[in-house]
Amino acid sequence: MMSNKRIQELELVMEFEKVEECLKEVSSWIENVGRKRLKETINLDDSLEMLLQAQKQFKEFDLVASEYCKRGQEALKKMDQWEDFSFVDVHSYRVKLQAYRDQLEEFCTQLDETRHRVCETVRLYEFFDKVRQGICCVEEGVKS
């Protein structure tokens, strides 16, 4: 029984090491690229034209960021089996996994919120642009 438990522990540790490489890559990308790019979208430009350009750039970033989120979530899902084990020796690995999970969830949530904010801001600017054009047309009609 003890031997089987130890073998299971070793198998889990080996699996963790494989998964951790992916998680380290995702984590590094989030810290070095992802968070910086999200911060860049905090201040959106005041003109519709500039805003549409920012939206286009964000969509390109969003594709890459979503792929990293997906990869991280898939890697974490592989480690869900650890929840069934109560070995003391794997506690430190669970702590690491939880840290990766927390970082990934926070980034993915920020990405979703930014995606929504950019989309809503563009829609609002488009609406105001139509209103402005309508007012200009009315003013020209009044002048005629």
N, C-alpha and C. Protein backbone atom coordinates (compact mmCIF):
# COMPACT_ATOMS: atom_id res chain seq x y z
N MET A 1 0.83 -1.20 0.00
CA MET A 1 0.00 0.00 0.00
C MET A 1 0.87 1.26 0.00
N MET A 2 1.87 1.27 0.86
CA MET A 2 2.75 2.43 0.94
C MET A 2 3.52 2.62 -0.36
N SER A 3 3.92 1.51 -0.95
CA SER A 3 4.67 1.58 -2.21
C SER A 3 3.78 2.14 -3.32
N ASN A 4 2.54 1.69 -3.36
CA ASN A 4 1.60 2.19 -4.37
C ASN A 4 1.34 3.68 -4.19
N LYS A 5 1.20 4.10 -2.94
CA LYS A 5 0.98 5.52 -2.67
C LYS A 5 2.17 6.34 -3.15
N ARG A 6 3.36 5.83 -2.87
CA ARG A 6 4.58 6.56 -3.25
C ARG A 6 4.71 6.62 -4.78
N ILE A 7 4.35 5.56 -5.45
CA ILE A 7 4.39 5.55 -6.92
C ILE A 7 3.40 6.57 -7.47
N GLN A 8 2.21 6.61 -6.89
CA GLN A 8 1.21 7.59 -7.33
C GLN A 8 1.72 9.02 -7.12
N GLU A 9 2.35 9.24 -5.98
CA GLU A 9 2.91 10.56 -5.71
C GLU A 9 3.94 10.94 -6.76
N LEU A 10 4.83 10.01 -7.06
CA LEU A 10 5.88 10.28 -8.04
C LEU A 10 5.29 10.54 -9.42
N GLU A 11 4.27 9.80 -9.79
CA GLU A 11 3.61 10.01 -11.08
C GLU A 11 2.98 11.41 -11.14
N LEU A 12 2.36 11.80 -10.03
CA LEU A 12 1.75 13.12 -9.98
C LEU A 12 2.80 14.23 -10.06
N VAL A 13 3.92 14.02 -9.40
CA VAL A 13 4.99 15.01 -9.43
C VAL A 13 5.54 15.13 -10.86
N MET A 14 5.70 14.01 -11.52
CA MET A 14 6.18 14.04 -12.90
C MET A 14 5.17 14.75 -13.80
N GLU A 15 3.90 14.48 -13.60
CA GLU A 15 2.84 15.15 -14.37
C GLU A 15 2.85 16.65 -14.07
N PHE A 16 3.03 16.99 -12.81
CA PHE A 16 3.07 18.39 -12.42
C PHE A 16 4.21 19.11 -13.14
N GLU A 17 5.36 18.49 -13.21
CA GLU A 17 6.51 19.13 -13.85
C GLU A 17 6.23 19.41 -15.33
N LYS A 18 5.54 18.49 -16.00
CA LYS A 18 5.17 18.71 -17.40
C LYS A 18 4.20 19.89 -17.51
N VAL A 19 3.18 19.88 -16.68
CA VAL A 19 2.15 20.90 -16.71
C VAL A 19 2.73 22.25 -16.28
N GLU A 20 3.64 22.21 -15.32
CA GLU A 20 4.20 23.46 -14.81
C GLU A 20 4.96 24.23 -15.89
N GLU A 21 5.59 23.53 -16.81
CA GLU A 21 6.29 24.23 -17.90
C GLU A 21 5.31 25.10 -18.68
N CYS A 22 4.16 24.54 -19.00
CA CYS A 22 3.12 25.29 -19.71
C CYS A 22 2.62 26.44 -18.84
N LEU A 23 2.38 26.17 -17.57
CA LEU A 23 1.87 27.21 -16.67
C LEU A 23 2.89 28.33 -16.48
N LYS A 24 4.17 27.99 -16.43
CA LYS A 24 5.21 29.02 -16.32
C LYS A 24 5.22 29.91 -17.55
N GLU A 25 5.07 29.31 -18.72
CA GLU A 25 5.05 30.07 -19.96
C GLU A 25 3.85 31.02 -19.98
N VAL A 26 2.68 30.50 -19.62
CA VAL A 26 1.47 31.32 -19.57
C VAL A 26 1.63 32.44 -18.55
N SER A 27 2.13 32.10 -17.38
CA SER A 27 2.32 33.08 -16.31
C SER A 27 3.30 34.17 -16.73
N SER A 28 4.37 33.78 -17.36
CA SER A 28 5.36 34.74 -17.83
C SER A 28 4.76 35.68 -18.87
N TRP A 29 3.99 35.13 -19.79
CA TRP A 29 3.34 35.96 -20.81
C TRP A 29 2.37 36.95 -20.17
N ILE A 30 1.59 36.47 -19.21
CA ILE A 30 0.64 37.34 -18.52
C ILE A 30 1.38 38.51 -17.87
N GLU A 31 2.46 38.21 -17.15
CA GLU A 31 3.18 39.25 -16.43
C GLU A 31 3.95 40.19 -17.35
N ASN A 32 4.57 39.66 -18.40
CA ASN A 32 5.45 40.47 -19.24
C ASN A 32 4.76 41.13 -20.42
N VAL A 33 3.65 40.57 -20.87
CA VAL A 33 2.96 41.11 -22.04
C VAL A 33 1.51 41.45 -21.72
N GLY A 34 0.78 40.47 -21.23
CA GLY A 34 -0.67 40.61 -21.05
C GLY A 34 -1.10 41.77 -20.18
N ARG A 35 -0.56 41.87 -18.99
CA ARG A 35 -0.97 42.94 -18.08
C ARG A 35 -0.62 44.33 -18.65
N LYS A 36 0.55 44.42 -19.28
CA LYS A 36 0.96 45.70 -19.86
C LYS A 36 0.00 46.13 -20.96
N ARG A 37 -0.37 45.18 -21.81
CA ARG A 37 -1.29 45.52 -22.91
C ARG A 37 -2.67 45.89 -22.38
N LEU A 38 -3.12 45.22 -21.33
CA LEU A 38 -4.42 45.59 -20.75
C LEU A 38 -4.36 47.01 -20.18
N LYS A 39 -3.26 47.36 -19.55
CA LYS A 39 -3.12 48.71 -18.99
C LYS A 39 -3.14 49.76 -20.10
N GLU A 40 -2.62 49.41 -21.28
CA GLU A 40 -2.62 50.35 -22.40
C GLU A 40 -4.03 50.70 -22.86
N THR A 41 -4.98 49.83 -22.61
CA THR A 41 -6.35 50.08 -23.07
C THR A 41 -7.19 50.82 -22.03
N ILE A 42 -6.57 51.21 -20.93
CA ILE A 42 -7.32 51.94 -19.91
C ILE A 42 -7.76 53.30 -20.44
N ASN A 43 -6.85 54.02 -21.07
CA ASN A 43 -7.17 55.34 -21.60
C ASN A 43 -7.44 55.23 -23.09
N LEU A 44 -8.70 55.18 -23.44
CA LEU A 44 -9.07 55.10 -24.85
C LEU A 44 -9.17 56.50 -25.43
N ASP A 45 -8.83 56.62 -26.71
CA ASP A 45 -8.80 57.92 -27.36
C ASP A 45 -10.18 58.55 -27.48
N ASP A 46 -10.16 59.87 -27.74
CA ASP A 46 -11.40 60.64 -27.76
C ASP A 46 -12.10 60.70 -29.11
N SER A 47 -11.46 60.26 -30.16
CA SER A 47 -12.12 60.31 -31.46
C SER A 47 -12.55 58.90 -31.87
N LEU A 48 -13.63 58.83 -32.63
CA LEU A 48 -14.13 57.53 -33.07
C LEU A 48 -13.09 56.82 -33.93
N GLU A 49 -12.43 57.56 -34.78
CA GLU A 49 -11.42 56.96 -35.66
C GLU A 49 -10.29 56.32 -34.85
N MET A 50 -9.78 57.03 -33.86
CA MET A 50 -8.70 56.50 -33.01
C MET A 50 -9.21 55.34 -32.16
N LEU A 51 -10.44 55.44 -31.72
CA LEU A 51 -11.04 54.38 -30.91
C LEU A 51 -11.20 53.10 -31.73
N LEU A 52 -11.62 53.23 -32.98
CA LEU A 52 -11.75 52.06 -33.85
C LEU A 52 -10.39 51.41 -34.10
N GLN A 53 -9.35 52.22 -34.22
CA GLN A 53 -8.00 51.69 -34.39
C GLN A 53 -7.57 50.95 -33.11
N ALA A 54 -7.87 51.53 -31.96
CA ALA A 54 -7.54 50.88 -30.69
C ALA A 54 -8.31 49.57 -30.54
N GLN A 55 -9.56 49.56 -30.99
CA GLN A 55 -10.36 48.34 -30.93
C GLN A 55 -9.76 47.25 -31.81
N LYS A 56 -9.31 47.63 -32.99
CA LYS A 56 -8.69 46.67 -33.90
C LYS A 56 -7.44 46.08 -33.27
N GLN A 57 -6.61 46.92 -32.69
CA GLN A 57 -5.39 46.44 -32.03
C GLN A 57 -5.73 45.55 -30.84
N PHE A 58 -6.77 45.94 -30.10
CA PHE A 58 -7.16 45.12 -28.95
C PHE A 58 -7.66 43.76 -29.41
N LYS A 59 -8.40 43.71 -30.50
CA LYS A 59 -8.91 42.42 -30.99
C LYS A 59 -7.76 41.49 -31.34
N GLU A 60 -6.71 42.03 -31.94
CA GLU A 60 -5.53 41.21 -32.26
C GLU A 60 -4.89 40.69 -30.98
N PHE A 61 -4.74 41.56 -30.00
CA PHE A 61 -4.19 41.15 -28.70
C PHE A 61 -5.11 40.14 -28.04
N ASP A 62 -6.41 40.37 -28.11
CA ASP A 62 -7.40 39.51 -27.47
C ASP A 62 -7.32 38.07 -27.99
N LEU A 63 -7.07 37.91 -29.27
CA LEU A 63 -6.93 36.56 -29.84
C LEU A 63 -5.76 35.82 -29.19
N VAL A 64 -4.64 36.49 -29.08
CA VAL A 64 -3.45 35.88 -28.48
C VAL A 64 -3.69 35.63 -26.99
N ALA A 65 -4.23 36.63 -26.30
CA ALA A 65 -4.47 36.51 -24.86
C ALA A 65 -5.46 35.39 -24.56
N SER A 66 -6.50 35.28 -25.36
CA SER A 66 -7.50 34.22 -25.15
C SER A 66 -6.86 32.85 -25.34
N GLU A 67 -5.93 32.74 -26.27
CA GLU A 67 -5.24 31.47 -26.49
C GLU A 67 -4.39 31.12 -25.26
N TYR A 68 -3.71 32.10 -24.69
CA TYR A 68 -2.93 31.83 -23.47
C TYR A 68 -3.85 31.44 -22.32
N CYS A 69 -4.99 32.11 -22.20
CA CYS A 69 -5.95 31.75 -21.15
C CYS A 69 -6.42 30.31 -21.33
N LYS A 70 -6.73 29.96 -22.56
CA LYS A 70 -7.20 28.60 -22.85
C LYS A 70 -6.12 27.57 -22.51
N ARG A 71 -4.89 27.85 -22.92
CA ARG A 71 -3.79 26.91 -22.63
C ARG A 71 -3.61 26.74 -21.13
N GLY A 72 -3.66 27.84 -20.40
CA GLY A 72 -3.52 27.77 -18.95
C GLY A 72 -4.65 27.00 -18.30
N GLN A 73 -5.87 27.24 -18.76
CA GLN A 73 -7.02 26.53 -18.19
C GLN A 73 -6.95 25.04 -18.48
N GLU A 74 -6.50 24.67 -19.68
CA GLU A 74 -6.36 23.25 -20.02
C GLU A 74 -5.29 22.59 -19.17
N ALA A 75 -4.19 23.29 -18.93
CA ALA A 75 -3.12 22.74 -18.10
C ALA A 75 -3.62 22.54 -16.67
N LEU A 76 -4.34 23.52 -16.16
CA LEU A 76 -4.87 23.40 -14.80
C LEU A 76 -5.88 22.26 -14.71
N LYS A 77 -6.66 22.09 -15.75
CA LYS A 77 -7.67 21.03 -15.75
C LYS A 77 -7.01 19.65 -15.64
N LYS A 78 -5.84 19.51 -16.27
CA LYS A 78 -5.11 18.23 -16.18
C LYS A 78 -4.75 17.91 -14.73
N MET A 79 -4.59 18.94 -13.93
CA MET A 79 -4.17 18.73 -12.55
C MET A 79 -5.34 18.63 -11.57
N ASP A 80 -6.56 18.70 -12.08
CA ASP A 80 -7.73 18.56 -11.21
C ASP A 80 -7.74 17.24 -10.46
N GLN A 81 -7.10 16.24 -11.03
CA GLN A 81 -7.06 14.92 -10.38
C GLN A 81 -6.36 14.98 -9.02
N TRP A 82 -5.58 16.00 -8.79
CA TRP A 82 -4.88 16.12 -7.52
C TRP A 82 -5.84 16.32 -6.36
N GLU A 83 -7.00 16.82 -6.63
CA GLU A 83 -7.97 17.06 -5.56
C GLU A 83 -8.37 15.75 -4.87
N ASP A 84 -8.23 14.64 -5.60
CA ASP A 84 -8.61 13.34 -5.04
C ASP A 84 -7.54 12.76 -4.13
N PHE A 85 -6.38 13.36 -4.13
CA PHE A 85 -5.28 12.82 -3.33
C PHE A 85 -5.06 13.68 -2.10
N SER A 86 -4.75 13.02 -0.99
CA SER A 86 -4.55 13.76 0.25
C SER A 86 -3.14 13.57 0.79
N PHE A 87 -2.20 13.30 -0.09
CA PHE A 87 -0.83 13.11 0.36
C PHE A 87 -0.27 14.43 0.88
N VAL A 88 0.44 14.33 1.96
CA VAL A 88 1.06 15.51 2.53
C VAL A 88 2.13 16.04 1.58
N ASP A 89 2.82 15.15 0.91
CA ASP A 89 3.94 15.54 0.05
C ASP A 89 3.54 16.39 -1.15
N VAL A 90 2.28 16.36 -1.55
CA VAL A 90 1.87 17.14 -2.72
C VAL A 90 1.27 18.49 -2.35
N HIS A 91 1.27 18.81 -1.07
CA HIS A 91 0.68 20.08 -0.63
C HIS A 91 1.38 21.27 -1.28
N SER A 92 2.68 21.26 -1.34
CA SER A 92 3.41 22.40 -1.92
C SER A 92 3.07 22.57 -3.39
N TYR A 93 2.80 21.46 -4.08
CA TYR A 93 2.42 21.54 -5.49
C TYR A 93 1.01 22.13 -5.63
N ARG A 94 0.14 21.78 -4.72
CA ARG A 94 -1.21 22.35 -4.75
C ARG A 94 -1.16 23.86 -4.55
N VAL A 95 -0.29 24.30 -3.67
CA VAL A 95 -0.15 25.74 -3.42
C VAL A 95 0.31 26.44 -4.69
N LYS A 96 1.28 25.86 -5.38
CA LYS A 96 1.75 26.44 -6.65
C LYS A 96 0.62 26.48 -7.67
N LEU A 97 -0.12 25.37 -7.78
CA LEU A 97 -1.23 25.32 -8.73
C LEU A 97 -2.27 26.38 -8.42
N GLN A 98 -2.54 26.57 -7.14
CA GLN A 98 -3.54 27.58 -6.76
C GLN A 98 -3.06 28.98 -7.13
N ALA A 99 -1.78 29.23 -6.98
CA ALA A 99 -1.24 30.54 -7.36
C ALA A 99 -1.38 30.75 -8.86
N TYR A 100 -1.06 29.73 -9.66
CA TYR A 100 -1.25 29.83 -11.11
C TYR A 100 -2.72 30.04 -11.45
N ARG A 101 -3.60 29.29 -10.78
CA ARG A 101 -5.04 29.40 -11.03
C ARG A 101 -5.54 30.81 -10.71
N ASP A 102 -5.12 31.35 -9.58
CA ASP A 102 -5.56 32.69 -9.18
C ASP A 102 -5.09 33.74 -10.19
N GLN A 103 -3.83 33.64 -10.61
CA GLN A 103 -3.29 34.59 -11.57
C GLN A 103 -4.05 34.50 -12.89
N LEU A 104 -4.28 33.28 -13.36
CA LEU A 104 -4.97 33.08 -14.63
C LEU A 104 -6.41 33.58 -14.56
N GLU A 105 -7.12 33.26 -13.49
CA GLU A 105 -8.50 33.71 -13.35
C GLU A 105 -8.59 35.23 -13.31
N GLU A 106 -7.67 35.86 -12.59
CA GLU A 106 -7.68 37.32 -12.50
C GLU A 106 -7.43 37.93 -13.88
N PHE A 107 -6.44 37.42 -14.60
CA PHE A 107 -6.13 37.97 -15.92
C PHE A 107 -7.29 37.75 -16.88
N CYS A 108 -7.85 36.55 -16.90
CA CYS A 108 -8.96 36.25 -17.82
C CYS A 108 -10.17 37.14 -17.52
N THR A 109 -10.42 37.39 -16.24
CA THR A 109 -11.52 38.29 -15.86
C THR A 109 -11.24 39.70 -16.34
N GLN A 110 -10.01 40.18 -16.14
CA GLN A 110 -9.65 41.52 -16.62
C GLN A 110 -9.75 41.60 -18.14
N LEU A 111 -9.37 40.54 -18.83
CA LEU A 111 -9.47 40.51 -20.28
C LEU A 111 -10.92 40.62 -20.72
N ASP A 112 -11.80 39.85 -20.07
CA ASP A 112 -13.23 39.91 -20.39
C ASP A 112 -13.80 41.31 -20.14
N GLU A 113 -13.43 41.88 -19.00
CA GLU A 113 -13.93 43.22 -18.67
C GLU A 113 -13.44 44.26 -19.67
N THR A 114 -12.20 44.17 -20.07
CA THR A 114 -11.63 45.11 -21.03
C THR A 114 -12.29 44.94 -22.39
N ARG A 115 -12.50 43.70 -22.80
CA ARG A 115 -13.18 43.42 -24.07
C ARG A 115 -14.55 44.08 -24.07
N HIS A 116 -15.28 43.91 -22.99
CA HIS A 116 -16.63 44.49 -22.87
C HIS A 116 -16.55 46.02 -22.88
N ARG A 117 -15.61 46.59 -22.14
CA ARG A 117 -15.48 48.04 -22.05
C ARG A 117 -15.13 48.65 -23.40
N VAL A 118 -14.20 48.03 -24.12
CA VAL A 118 -13.83 48.55 -25.44
C VAL A 118 -15.02 48.50 -26.38
N CYS A 119 -15.72 47.40 -26.38
CA CYS A 119 -16.89 47.24 -27.26
C CYS A 119 -17.96 48.28 -26.93
N GLU A 120 -18.26 48.45 -25.66
CA GLU A 120 -19.28 49.41 -25.25
C GLU A 120 -18.85 50.84 -25.55
N THR A 121 -17.58 51.14 -25.38
CA THR A 121 -17.09 52.49 -25.67
C THR A 121 -17.22 52.79 -27.16
N VAL A 122 -16.87 51.83 -28.00
CA VAL A 122 -17.02 52.02 -29.45
C VAL A 122 -18.48 52.23 -29.81
N ARG A 123 -19.36 51.41 -29.25
CA ARG A 123 -20.79 51.57 -29.53
C ARG A 123 -21.28 52.95 -29.11
N LEU A 124 -20.84 53.41 -27.96
CA LEU A 124 -21.25 54.72 -27.48
C LEU A 124 -20.75 55.83 -28.40
N TYR A 125 -19.49 55.74 -28.80
CA TYR A 125 -18.94 56.75 -29.71
C TYR A 125 -19.63 56.72 -31.06
N GLU A 126 -19.96 55.54 -31.55
CA GLU A 126 -20.68 55.44 -32.82
C GLU A 126 -22.06 56.09 -32.70
N PHE A 127 -22.72 55.86 -31.58
CA PHE A 127 -24.02 56.47 -31.35
C PHE A 127 -23.90 57.99 -31.33
N PHE A 128 -22.94 58.50 -30.58
CA PHE A 128 -22.76 59.95 -30.52
C PHE A 128 -22.37 60.53 -31.87
N ASP A 129 -21.61 59.79 -32.64
CA ASP A 129 -21.24 60.26 -33.98
C ASP A 129 -22.48 60.38 -34.86
N LYS A 130 -23.39 59.40 -34.77
CA LYS A 130 -24.64 59.47 -35.54
C LYS A 130 -25.50 60.64 -35.07
N VAL A 131 -25.55 60.85 -33.77
CA VAL A 131 -26.32 61.97 -33.23
C VAL A 131 -25.72 63.28 -33.73
N ARG A 132 -24.40 63.40 -33.69
CA ARG A 132 -23.73 64.61 -34.15
C ARG A 132 -24.03 64.85 -35.63
N GLN A 133 -23.98 63.79 -36.43
CA GLN A 133 -24.27 63.92 -37.86
C GLN A 133 -25.73 64.34 -38.07
N GLY A 134 -26.61 63.79 -37.27
CA GLY A 134 -28.02 64.16 -37.36
C GLY A 134 -28.25 65.61 -37.02
N ILE A 135 -27.56 66.09 -35.99
CA ILE A 135 -27.70 67.49 -35.59
C ILE A 135 -27.16 68.40 -36.70
N CYS A 136 -26.04 68.01 -37.30
CA CYS A 136 -25.48 68.81 -38.39
C CYS A 136 -26.45 68.89 -39.56
N CYS A 137 -27.10 67.75 -39.88
CA CYS A 137 -28.07 67.73 -40.99
C CYS A 137 -29.27 68.62 -40.67
N VAL A 138 -29.74 68.58 -39.45
CA VAL A 138 -30.87 69.42 -39.03
C VAL A 138 -30.48 70.88 -39.11
N GLU A 139 -29.28 71.21 -38.64
CA GLU A 139 -28.83 72.61 -38.69
C GLU A 139 -28.73 73.09 -40.12
N GLU A 140 -28.23 72.27 -41.03
CA GLU A 140 -28.13 72.64 -42.43
C GLU A 140 -29.53 72.83 -43.04
N GLY A 141 -30.47 71.97 -42.64
CA GLY A 141 -31.84 72.10 -43.12
C GLY A 141 -32.50 73.37 -42.64
N VAL A 142 -32.21 73.76 -41.42
CA VAL A 142 -32.76 75.00 -40.85
C VAL A 142 -32.19 76.21 -41.57
N LYS A 143 -30.91 76.16 -41.94
CA LYS A 143 -30.25 77.26 -42.62
C LYS A 143 -30.80 77.42 -44.04
N SER A 144 -31.26 76.34 -44.67
CA SER A 144 -31.70 76.40 -46.07
C SER A 144 -33.03 77.04 -46.24
